[in-house]
Amino acid sequence: MTTESPTQTVQRLFPLLAEGRSAEAAALFADSVSFSIPHPPGIPWVPEVDSAEGMRTFFELLQTHVQAKEFELRQVIAEGDDVVLIGRMVSEVRRTGRDIDTAFALHTTVRDGRITRYHLYEDTYAVARAYFGD
């Protein structure tokens, strides 16, 4: 049994990702994960995900295609098992050298010390422009 709050569990994720530790980041997730990132067709770093192993694949693809440049967490809203993070991130698409500069909201759920939901909402137009061009 964990004594860590859902917010603490979710906030452990970001330093691991910043350090490229995909396996350790994926270990924060449950065996079954509800994953959603609405995105334009053809974006290569958003696979189908339904498990912790799928999250590891996602994190590895993300690191292959995108270089994080800035990450600003502006607000954390927690109620029960749900934690919503609101902020801004800037990432460079390696293929094009263009930046994705977007506000985001990340809705997570933590049950029994593991993340079971990862739903990210961001500016899909900014993602498309950075990857495909104008």
Protein backbone atom coordinates (compact mmCIF):
# COMPACT_ATOMS: atom_id res chain seq x y z
CA MET A 1 0.00 0.00 0.00
CA THR A 2 1.39 3.37 -0.98
CA THR A 3 1.27 6.44 1.23
CA GLU A 4 1.94 8.68 -1.76
CA SER A 5 -0.91 10.91 -2.95
CA PRO A 6 -2.15 10.68 -6.55
CA THR A 7 -0.59 14.12 -7.18
CA GLN A 8 2.80 12.96 -5.90
CA THR A 9 2.65 9.86 -8.10
CA VAL A 10 1.86 11.89 -11.23
CA GLN A 11 4.50 14.51 -10.47
CA ARG A 12 7.19 11.80 -10.28
CA LEU A 13 6.57 11.20 -13.98
CA PHE A 14 8.02 14.44 -15.36
CA PRO A 15 11.58 14.29 -13.98
CA LEU A 16 11.87 10.70 -15.24
CA LEU A 17 10.77 11.75 -18.73
CA ALA A 18 13.10 14.76 -18.70
CA GLU A 19 15.99 12.38 -17.95
CA GLY A 20 14.94 9.95 -20.72
CA ARG A 21 14.12 7.18 -18.24
CA SER A 22 11.20 5.67 -20.18
CA ALA A 23 11.16 2.30 -18.42
CA GLU A 24 11.01 3.90 -14.97
CA ALA A 25 8.33 6.34 -16.15
CA ALA A 26 6.27 3.46 -17.58
CA ALA A 27 6.59 1.61 -14.26
CA LEU A 28 4.36 4.31 -12.71
CA PHE A 29 1.46 3.02 -14.85
CA ALA A 30 -1.00 0.22 -14.19
CA ASP A 31 -1.27 -2.92 -16.31
CA SER A 32 -4.36 -1.41 -17.96
CA VAL A 33 -4.23 2.25 -19.06
CA SER A 34 -6.81 4.55 -20.63
CA PHE A 35 -4.72 6.59 -23.07
CA SER A 36 -5.87 9.43 -25.30
CA ILE A 37 -4.02 12.12 -27.20
CA PRO A 38 -6.13 13.59 -30.00
CA HIS A 39 -3.72 14.22 -32.87
CA PRO A 40 -3.58 14.76 -36.62
CA PRO A 41 -3.23 11.60 -38.73
CA GLY A 42 0.37 10.73 -39.52
CA ILE A 43 1.99 11.92 -36.29
CA PRO A 44 4.47 9.08 -35.60
CA TRP A 45 4.88 9.44 -31.85
CA VAL A 46 1.29 8.68 -30.76
CA PRO A 47 0.72 4.90 -30.89
CA GLU A 48 -2.24 2.89 -29.68
CA VAL A 49 -1.69 2.42 -25.94
CA ASP A 50 -3.57 0.36 -23.36
CA SER A 51 -0.86 -0.76 -20.91
CA ALA A 52 2.26 0.23 -19.01
CA GLU A 53 4.35 -1.36 -21.78
CA GLY A 54 2.44 0.74 -24.32
CA MET A 55 3.29 3.84 -22.29
CA ARG A 56 6.97 2.88 -22.49
CA THR A 57 6.66 2.61 -26.28
CA PHE A 58 4.95 6.02 -26.37
CA PHE A 59 7.67 7.66 -24.25
CA GLU A 60 10.41 6.13 -26.42
CA LEU A 61 8.73 7.25 -29.66
CA LEU A 62 8.25 10.72 -28.22
CA GLN A 63 11.97 10.97 -27.38
CA THR A 64 12.88 9.75 -30.86
CA HIS A 65 10.77 12.35 -32.66
CA VAL A 66 10.55 15.33 -30.27
CA GLN A 67 13.06 17.22 -28.13
CA ALA A 68 11.56 18.86 -25.05
CA LYS A 69 12.68 22.47 -24.65
CA GLU A 70 10.40 24.03 -22.04
CA PHE A 71 7.88 22.65 -19.58
CA GLU A 72 5.90 24.93 -17.31
CA LEU A 73 3.36 23.49 -14.91
CA ARG A 74 0.91 26.28 -14.08
CA GLN A 75 -1.76 24.51 -12.06
CA VAL A 76 -2.47 21.13 -10.49
CA ILE A 77 -6.07 20.29 -9.69
CA ALA A 78 -6.61 17.16 -7.63
CA GLU A 79 -9.81 15.55 -6.43
CA GLY A 80 -9.85 11.98 -5.23
CA ASP A 81 -7.98 9.77 -7.69
CA ASP A 82 -8.04 12.40 -10.46
CA VAL A 83 -5.19 14.84 -11.06
CA VAL A 84 -5.37 17.46 -13.81
CA LEU A 85 -2.23 19.33 -14.77
CA ILE A 86 -2.42 22.56 -16.74
CA GLY A 87 0.59 24.20 -18.28
CA ARG A 88 2.62 25.08 -21.33
CA MET A 89 5.25 23.12 -23.18
CA VAL A 90 7.60 23.80 -26.05
CA SER A 91 9.12 20.90 -27.97
CA GLU A 92 11.15 20.75 -31.16
CA VAL A 93 10.19 18.26 -33.86
CA ARG A 94 13.53 16.65 -34.75
CA ARG A 95 12.55 16.00 -38.39
CA THR A 96 11.71 19.63 -39.18
CA GLY A 97 13.46 21.66 -36.47
CA ARG A 98 10.17 23.46 -35.83
CA ASP A 99 8.77 24.08 -32.38
CA ILE A 100 5.45 22.96 -30.99
CA ASP A 101 4.49 25.70 -28.53
CA THR A 102 1.24 24.75 -26.83
CA ALA A 103 -0.81 25.04 -23.71
CA PHE A 104 -1.85 21.64 -22.42
CA ALA A 105 -4.16 19.93 -19.98
CA LEU A 106 -3.31 16.42 -18.81
CA HIS A 107 -6.04 14.43 -17.05
CA THR A 108 -4.66 11.52 -15.07
CA THR A 109 -6.18 9.04 -12.67
CA VAL A 110 -4.21 7.14 -10.04
CA ARG A 111 -5.56 3.96 -8.44
CA ASP A 112 -3.65 1.82 -5.98
CA GLY A 113 -0.51 3.89 -6.54
CA ARG A 114 -0.45 3.43 -10.34
CA ILE A 115 -1.54 5.77 -13.13
CA THR A 116 -4.57 4.33 -14.96
CA ARG A 117 -5.52 7.30 -17.17
CA TYR A 118 -3.36 9.56 -19.37
CA HIS A 119 -5.47 11.92 -21.47
CA LEU A 120 -3.51 14.82 -22.95
CA TYR A 121 -5.16 17.80 -24.63
CA GLU A 122 -2.97 20.19 -26.62
CA ASP A 123 -3.04 22.42 -29.69
CA THR A 124 -3.24 19.85 -32.49
CA TYR A 125 -2.93 22.61 -35.10
CA ALA A 126 0.45 23.60 -33.61
CA VAL A 127 1.51 19.93 -33.67
CA ALA A 128 0.50 19.57 -37.34
CA ARG A 129 2.25 22.80 -38.38
CA ALA A 130 5.48 21.80 -36.63
CA TYR A 131 5.51 18.30 -38.12
CA PHE A 132 4.01 18.80 -41.59
CA GLY A 133 4.78 22.49 -42.24
CA ASP A 134 2.45 25.31 -43.24
